[in-house]
Amino acid sequence: MNIYDISRPSFWTCDGCDRSIRDGEYRHNCTVCADFDYCEQCANTISPPHPHPMREELAYGRIPKSSITAVDMATGIEKAFDMYCNR
């Protein structure tokens, strides 16, 4: 089982190359600027680098509604662990 679904887009776009950061990829988030992110490649290659500290985080996207079903609590907790195992 692959824990990352890099075919699914996340909520973030790289401010360096304007590419959509995929679910499960690392994004580099500025700790000072509002909504400023770099993909892994831009964080390592852009010159001059961003002036504020950047924090590496896993990007994540929406969970498909078809994978959410109401069951008993134990099954729901198990399903949550499976869905969010990369966070």
N, C-alpha and C. Protein backbone atom coordinates (compact mmCIF):
# COMPACT_ATOMS: atom_id res chain seq x y z
N MET A 1 0.83 -1.19 0.00
CA MET A 1 0.00 0.00 0.00
C MET A 1 0.88 1.25 0.00
N ASN A 2 0.63 2.17 -0.91
CA ASN A 2 1.37 3.42 -0.99
C ASN A 2 0.70 4.43 -0.06
N ILE A 3 1.47 4.99 0.90
CA ILE A 3 0.87 5.90 1.87
C ILE A 3 0.67 7.30 1.31
N TYR A 4 1.34 7.64 0.20
CA TYR A 4 1.19 8.96 -0.41
C TYR A 4 0.44 8.83 -1.72
N ASP A 5 -0.45 9.75 -1.98
CA ASP A 5 -1.17 9.76 -3.26
C ASP A 5 -0.72 11.00 -4.02
N ILE A 6 0.49 10.92 -4.64
CA ILE A 6 1.03 12.10 -5.30
C ILE A 6 0.29 12.44 -6.58
N SER A 7 -0.68 11.60 -6.97
CA SER A 7 -1.50 11.96 -8.13
C SER A 7 -2.56 12.99 -7.76
N ARG A 8 -2.80 13.15 -6.46
CA ARG A 8 -3.84 14.06 -5.99
C ARG A 8 -3.21 15.42 -5.63
N PRO A 9 -3.78 16.52 -6.11
CA PRO A 9 -3.21 17.83 -5.77
C PRO A 9 -3.47 18.17 -4.30
N SER A 10 -2.63 19.03 -3.76
CA SER A 10 -2.84 19.50 -2.40
C SER A 10 -3.46 20.89 -2.46
N PHE A 11 -3.50 21.57 -1.34
CA PHE A 11 -4.07 22.91 -1.27
C PHE A 11 -3.05 24.00 -1.62
N TRP A 12 -1.78 23.63 -1.92
CA TRP A 12 -0.73 24.62 -2.07
C TRP A 12 -0.12 24.64 -3.46
N THR A 13 0.37 25.83 -3.83
CA THR A 13 1.09 26.04 -5.09
C THR A 13 2.43 26.67 -4.74
N CYS A 14 3.48 26.24 -5.45
CA CYS A 14 4.81 26.78 -5.23
C CYS A 14 4.86 28.22 -5.73
N ASP A 15 5.34 29.13 -4.89
CA ASP A 15 5.46 30.53 -5.28
C ASP A 15 6.71 30.79 -6.11
N GLY A 16 7.58 29.79 -6.25
CA GLY A 16 8.78 29.94 -7.07
C GLY A 16 8.54 29.56 -8.51
N CYS A 17 7.93 28.39 -8.74
CA CYS A 17 7.72 27.90 -10.11
C CYS A 17 6.25 27.82 -10.50
N ASP A 18 5.35 28.18 -9.59
CA ASP A 18 3.91 28.19 -9.84
C ASP A 18 3.34 26.80 -10.15
N ARG A 19 4.01 25.77 -9.63
CA ARG A 19 3.56 24.39 -9.82
C ARG A 19 2.70 23.97 -8.63
N SER A 20 1.69 23.17 -8.88
CA SER A 20 0.86 22.63 -7.80
C SER A 20 1.68 21.61 -7.01
N ILE A 21 1.76 21.78 -5.71
CA ILE A 21 2.46 20.83 -4.85
C ILE A 21 1.51 19.67 -4.60
N ARG A 22 1.96 18.44 -4.84
CA ARG A 22 1.11 17.26 -4.78
C ARG A 22 0.96 16.75 -3.34
N ASP A 23 -0.10 16.02 -3.10
CA ASP A 23 -0.37 15.40 -1.80
C ASP A 23 0.78 14.46 -1.45
N GLY A 24 1.40 14.63 -0.29
CA GLY A 24 2.49 13.78 0.14
C GLY A 24 3.87 14.32 -0.17
N GLU A 25 3.96 15.37 -0.98
CA GLU A 25 5.25 16.00 -1.26
C GLU A 25 5.56 16.98 -0.12
N TYR A 26 6.85 17.27 0.05
CA TYR A 26 7.21 18.29 1.03
C TYR A 26 7.02 19.67 0.43
N ARG A 27 6.50 20.57 1.25
CA ARG A 27 6.42 21.98 0.88
C ARG A 27 7.21 22.73 1.93
N HIS A 28 7.77 23.84 1.55
CA HIS A 28 8.55 24.68 2.46
C HIS A 28 7.73 25.95 2.68
N ASN A 29 7.23 26.10 3.89
CA ASN A 29 6.29 27.16 4.25
C ASN A 29 7.03 28.26 5.01
N CYS A 30 6.84 29.52 4.58
CA CYS A 30 7.45 30.65 5.27
C CYS A 30 6.75 30.85 6.62
N THR A 31 7.55 31.05 7.65
CA THR A 31 6.99 31.22 9.00
C THR A 31 6.55 32.66 9.27
N VAL A 32 6.87 33.58 8.34
CA VAL A 32 6.53 34.99 8.53
C VAL A 32 5.46 35.44 7.54
N CYS A 33 5.66 35.15 6.26
CA CYS A 33 4.73 35.60 5.20
C CYS A 33 3.45 34.75 5.20
N ALA A 34 2.34 35.39 4.91
CA ALA A 34 1.08 34.67 4.80
C ALA A 34 1.02 33.98 3.44
N ASP A 35 0.77 32.68 3.46
CA ASP A 35 0.57 31.89 2.25
C ASP A 35 1.74 31.99 1.27
N PHE A 36 2.95 31.68 1.74
CA PHE A 36 4.13 31.66 0.88
C PHE A 36 4.77 30.29 1.01
N ASP A 37 4.82 29.54 -0.10
CA ASP A 37 5.34 28.18 -0.09
C ASP A 37 6.28 27.94 -1.26
N TYR A 38 7.28 27.09 -1.05
CA TYR A 38 8.15 26.61 -2.11
C TYR A 38 8.03 25.10 -2.20
N CYS A 39 8.18 24.56 -3.40
CA CYS A 39 8.31 23.11 -3.54
C CYS A 39 9.75 22.74 -3.14
N GLU A 40 10.05 21.46 -3.05
CA GLU A 40 11.37 20.99 -2.63
C GLU A 40 12.47 21.52 -3.56
N GLN A 41 12.23 21.47 -4.85
CA GLN A 41 13.23 21.90 -5.82
C GLN A 41 13.53 23.40 -5.69
N CYS A 42 12.49 24.23 -5.62
CA CYS A 42 12.69 25.67 -5.51
C CYS A 42 13.36 26.05 -4.19
N ALA A 43 13.03 25.37 -3.11
CA ALA A 43 13.62 25.67 -1.81
C ALA A 43 15.13 25.44 -1.84
N ASN A 44 15.59 24.50 -2.67
CA ASN A 44 17.02 24.19 -2.74
C ASN A 44 17.76 24.96 -3.83
N THR A 45 17.05 25.54 -4.81
CA THR A 45 17.75 26.13 -5.95
C THR A 45 17.52 27.61 -6.15
N ILE A 46 16.46 28.20 -5.63
CA ILE A 46 16.18 29.62 -5.91
C ILE A 46 17.25 30.50 -5.28
N SER A 47 17.73 31.45 -6.11
CA SER A 47 18.75 32.37 -5.64
C SER A 47 18.30 33.79 -5.99
N PRO A 48 18.29 34.72 -5.09
CA PRO A 48 18.63 34.58 -3.68
C PRO A 48 17.52 33.83 -2.92
N PRO A 49 17.87 33.18 -1.82
CA PRO A 49 16.85 32.45 -1.05
C PRO A 49 15.85 33.40 -0.38
N HIS A 50 14.73 32.84 0.03
CA HIS A 50 13.70 33.63 0.71
C HIS A 50 14.30 34.20 2.00
N PRO A 51 14.03 35.47 2.35
CA PRO A 51 14.68 36.11 3.49
C PRO A 51 14.21 35.61 4.87
N HIS A 52 13.07 34.93 4.93
CA HIS A 52 12.56 34.47 6.23
C HIS A 52 12.78 32.96 6.40
N PRO A 53 12.69 32.49 7.64
CA PRO A 53 12.83 31.04 7.87
C PRO A 53 11.71 30.25 7.18
N MET A 54 12.07 29.11 6.61
CA MET A 54 11.11 28.23 5.94
C MET A 54 11.01 26.94 6.74
N ARG A 55 9.79 26.42 6.90
CA ARG A 55 9.55 25.18 7.64
C ARG A 55 9.10 24.11 6.65
N GLU A 56 9.73 22.95 6.70
CA GLU A 56 9.38 21.83 5.83
C GLU A 56 8.17 21.10 6.41
N GLU A 57 7.13 20.94 5.58
CA GLU A 57 5.90 20.26 6.00
C GLU A 57 5.41 19.38 4.86
N LEU A 58 4.66 18.34 5.20
CA LEU A 58 4.02 17.53 4.16
C LEU A 58 2.78 18.25 3.66
N ALA A 59 2.64 18.33 2.35
CA ALA A 59 1.43 18.92 1.76
C ALA A 59 0.34 17.85 1.77
N TYR A 60 -0.89 18.27 1.91
CA TYR A 60 -2.00 17.32 1.89
C TYR A 60 -3.18 17.93 1.15
N GLY A 61 -4.00 17.07 0.59
CA GLY A 61 -5.16 17.51 -0.17
C GLY A 61 -6.44 16.96 0.43
N ARG A 62 -7.51 17.10 -0.32
CA ARG A 62 -8.82 16.62 0.14
C ARG A 62 -8.87 15.10 0.13
N ILE A 63 -9.62 14.55 1.05
CA ILE A 63 -9.87 13.11 1.09
C ILE A 63 -11.12 12.85 0.26
N PRO A 64 -11.05 11.90 -0.68
CA PRO A 64 -12.26 11.60 -1.48
C PRO A 64 -13.44 11.17 -0.61
N LYS A 65 -14.60 11.73 -0.86
CA LYS A 65 -15.78 11.41 -0.05
C LYS A 65 -16.19 9.96 -0.18
N SER A 66 -15.89 9.31 -1.29
CA SER A 66 -16.26 7.91 -1.48
C SER A 66 -15.56 6.99 -0.48
N SER A 67 -14.42 7.45 0.09
CA SER A 67 -13.71 6.60 1.04
C SER A 67 -14.20 6.79 2.47
N ILE A 68 -15.18 7.65 2.68
CA ILE A 68 -15.72 7.90 4.02
C ILE A 68 -17.09 7.23 4.14
N THR A 69 -17.20 6.30 5.06
CA THR A 69 -18.48 5.62 5.31
C THR A 69 -18.70 5.55 6.81
N ALA A 70 -19.95 5.59 7.21
CA ALA A 70 -20.29 5.50 8.63
C ALA A 70 -20.31 4.03 9.05
N VAL A 71 -19.53 3.70 10.09
CA VAL A 71 -19.46 2.35 10.62
C VAL A 71 -19.37 2.46 12.14
N ASP A 72 -18.86 1.44 12.81
CA ASP A 72 -18.68 1.54 14.25
C ASP A 72 -17.41 2.35 14.57
N MET A 73 -17.23 2.73 15.82
CA MET A 73 -16.13 3.60 16.20
C MET A 73 -14.76 2.99 15.93
N ALA A 74 -14.57 1.72 16.24
CA ALA A 74 -13.27 1.08 16.02
C ALA A 74 -12.88 1.09 14.55
N THR A 75 -13.84 0.81 13.68
CA THR A 75 -13.58 0.82 12.24
C THR A 75 -13.30 2.25 11.77
N GLY A 76 -14.00 3.22 12.33
CA GLY A 76 -13.78 4.62 11.98
C GLY A 76 -12.39 5.09 12.37
N ILE A 77 -11.93 4.70 13.55
CA ILE A 77 -10.58 5.07 13.99
C ILE A 77 -9.54 4.41 13.10
N GLU A 78 -9.74 3.15 12.78
CA GLU A 78 -8.81 2.43 11.90
C GLU A 78 -8.76 3.10 10.52
N LYS A 79 -9.91 3.50 10.00
CA LYS A 79 -9.99 4.16 8.71
C LYS A 79 -9.26 5.51 8.75
N ALA A 80 -9.39 6.24 9.86
CA ALA A 80 -8.70 7.53 10.01
C ALA A 80 -7.20 7.34 10.01
N PHE A 81 -6.69 6.30 10.68
CA PHE A 81 -5.26 6.01 10.66
C PHE A 81 -4.79 5.72 9.25
N ASP A 82 -5.57 4.98 8.48
CA ASP A 82 -5.20 4.67 7.09
C ASP A 82 -5.21 5.92 6.22
N MET A 83 -6.21 6.78 6.39
CA MET A 83 -6.35 7.96 5.55
C MET A 83 -5.29 9.01 5.84
N TYR A 84 -4.89 9.17 7.11
CA TYR A 84 -3.98 10.23 7.50
C TYR A 84 -2.62 9.72 7.93
N CYS A 85 -2.21 8.56 7.45
CA CYS A 85 -0.95 7.97 7.89
C CYS A 85 0.27 8.78 7.48
N ASN A 86 0.17 9.65 6.48
CA ASN A 86 1.32 10.44 6.06
C ASN A 86 1.38 11.82 6.71
N ARG A 87 0.54 12.08 7.69
CA ARG A 87 0.53 13.41 8.32
C ARG A 87 1.06 13.35 9.72
